[in-house]
Protein backbone atom coordinates (compact mmCIF):
# COMPACT_ATOMS: atom_id res chain seq x y z
CA UNK A 1 97.92 112.11 111.20
CA UNK A 2 99.36 110.73 114.57
CA UNK A 3 102.16 108.77 112.88
CA UNK A 4 103.77 111.88 111.61
CA UNK A 5 103.40 113.76 114.81
CA UNK A 6 105.20 110.12 116.01
CA UNK A 7 107.94 110.94 113.89
CA UNK A 8 108.67 114.52 114.26
CA UNK A 9 108.58 113.57 118.02
CA UNK A 10 111.21 111.19 117.42
CA UNK A 11 113.36 113.91 116.21
CA UNK A 12 112.60 116.15 118.97
CA UNK A 13 113.49 113.40 121.60
CA UNK A 14 116.85 112.31 119.99
CA UNK A 15 117.77 116.48 119.16
CA UNK A 16 118.52 115.29 115.72
CA UNK A 17 116.24 118.20 114.04
CA UNK A 18 117.23 121.93 114.47
CA UNK A 19 114.51 124.38 112.23
CA UNK A 20 116.84 127.53 111.41
CA UNK A 21 115.96 130.78 109.20
CA UNK A 22 116.61 129.91 105.62
CA UNK A 23 120.04 131.05 104.87
CA UNK A 24 119.59 133.54 101.57
CA UNK A 25 122.51 132.35 99.60
CA UNK A 26 122.16 128.58 100.14
CA UNK A 27 119.41 126.19 98.43
CA UNK A 28 117.25 124.47 100.58
CA UNK A 29 117.22 120.62 99.92
CA UNK A 30 113.54 119.52 100.18
CA UNK A 31 111.71 116.45 102.10
CA UNK A 32 108.68 114.39 101.54
CA UNK A 33 106.63 112.27 103.53
CA UNK A 34 106.70 108.78 102.62
CA UNK A 35 103.65 106.60 103.90
CA UNK A 36 103.53 102.72 104.33
CA UNK A 37 101.91 100.43 106.28
CA UNK A 38 102.28 96.97 108.00
CA UNK A 39 99.92 94.22 107.25
CA UNK A 40 99.55 90.78 108.83
CA UNK A 41 99.43 87.41 107.19
CA UNK A 42 95.51 87.91 106.29
CA UNK A 43 96.51 91.09 104.42
CA UNK A 44 94.98 93.53 107.36
CA UNK A 45 96.50 96.38 108.22
CA UNK A 46 98.09 96.28 111.63
CA UNK A 47 100.56 99.58 111.57
CA UNK A 48 100.71 102.56 109.60
CA UNK A 49 104.14 104.13 109.48
CA UNK A 50 105.40 107.64 108.30
CA UNK A 51 108.87 108.84 107.45
CA UNK A 52 110.06 112.15 106.14
CA UNK A 53 113.13 111.68 103.98
CA UNK A 54 115.32 114.50 102.05
CA UNK A 55 115.03 114.54 98.61
CA UNK A 56 118.60 113.68 97.84
CA UNK A 57 118.45 114.00 94.35
CA UNK A 58 118.89 118.29 94.65
CA UNK A 59 122.26 117.50 96.51
CA UNK A 60 125.78 117.91 95.10
CA UNK A 61 128.40 115.93 96.05
CA UNK A 62 131.30 117.65 98.01
CA UNK A 63 128.82 120.74 98.62
CA UNK A 64 125.66 119.04 100.24
CA UNK A 65 127.63 115.60 101.40
CA UNK A 66 131.25 114.30 101.67
CA UNK A 67 130.35 111.19 102.58
CA UNK A 68 127.26 108.42 102.48
CA UNK A 69 125.91 105.80 104.38
CA UNK A 70 123.19 102.90 104.14
CA UNK A 71 122.36 101.24 107.28
CA UNK A 72 121.91 97.87 105.42
CA UNK A 73 123.62 94.38 106.16
CA UNK A 74 124.93 92.36 103.24
CA UNK A 75 123.44 89.20 102.78
CA UNK A 76 126.84 87.46 102.81
CA UNK A 77 127.24 88.64 106.60
CA UNK A 78 123.87 87.61 107.38
CA UNK A 79 124.90 84.05 105.98
CA UNK A 80 128.60 84.48 108.14
CA UNK A 81 126.68 85.44 111.30
CA UNK A 82 124.27 82.38 111.07
CA UNK A 83 126.98 80.02 110.14
CA UNK A 84 129.19 81.17 113.19
CA UNK A 85 126.08 81.15 115.59
CA UNK A 86 125.05 77.61 114.60
CA UNK A 87 128.57 76.13 114.89
CA UNK A 88 128.85 77.88 118.55
CA UNK A 89 125.32 77.03 119.73
CA UNK A 90 124.70 80.76 120.21
CA UNK A 91 121.41 81.95 120.80
CA UNK A 92 120.19 84.76 118.44
CA UNK A 93 117.64 87.33 118.97
CA UNK A 94 115.93 89.17 116.47
CA UNK A 95 114.60 92.94 117.32
CA UNK A 96 112.82 96.00 114.99
CA UNK A 97 114.16 99.13 115.40
CA UNK A 98 111.74 101.93 114.88
CA UNK A 99 114.06 104.59 114.03
CA UNK A 100 118.13 105.53 114.30
CA UNK A 101 120.04 108.22 113.36
CA UNK A 102 123.49 108.86 112.10
CA UNK A 103 124.61 111.22 115.01
CA UNK A 104 127.32 113.61 113.49
CA UNK A 105 127.39 116.91 111.94
CA UNK A 106 126.34 118.63 108.67
CA UNK A 107 128.32 121.36 107.42
CA UNK A 108 129.19 122.83 104.09
CA UNK A 109 132.75 123.41 103.19
C-alpha cells in the first residue's frame, strides 16, 4: 500500500529507524500496522492513513523504558490559550502535523 510506504519513508527521512540483527539474548517488541481513514462532511473517504505502532504491552518498566511521553494537550491548557488569545486580540492558526517523533536515544540498562 502507498500509505505504508509513505510512513516508512518518513522514518527514513527523519532518521528515526535503524534495522539491526536480532540480539540473541533480548526480547523483541513487536509492531502492528494501524489503518485509519479521514472522511469529509458527506462521509466520503478523503484520505487513508497508516501508522506503524509498537505493541507496548510487551514492554517492562526499567527494562524497555524509563519514561513515557504522550503528545497530547490538556483541555484546560487549550482553554487557557484561547482565553489569553481573546484577551490580547491574538490571531491563532491551526495546523495538522503529519508526524512527529521524539528525538532521543533508547538504550537498555
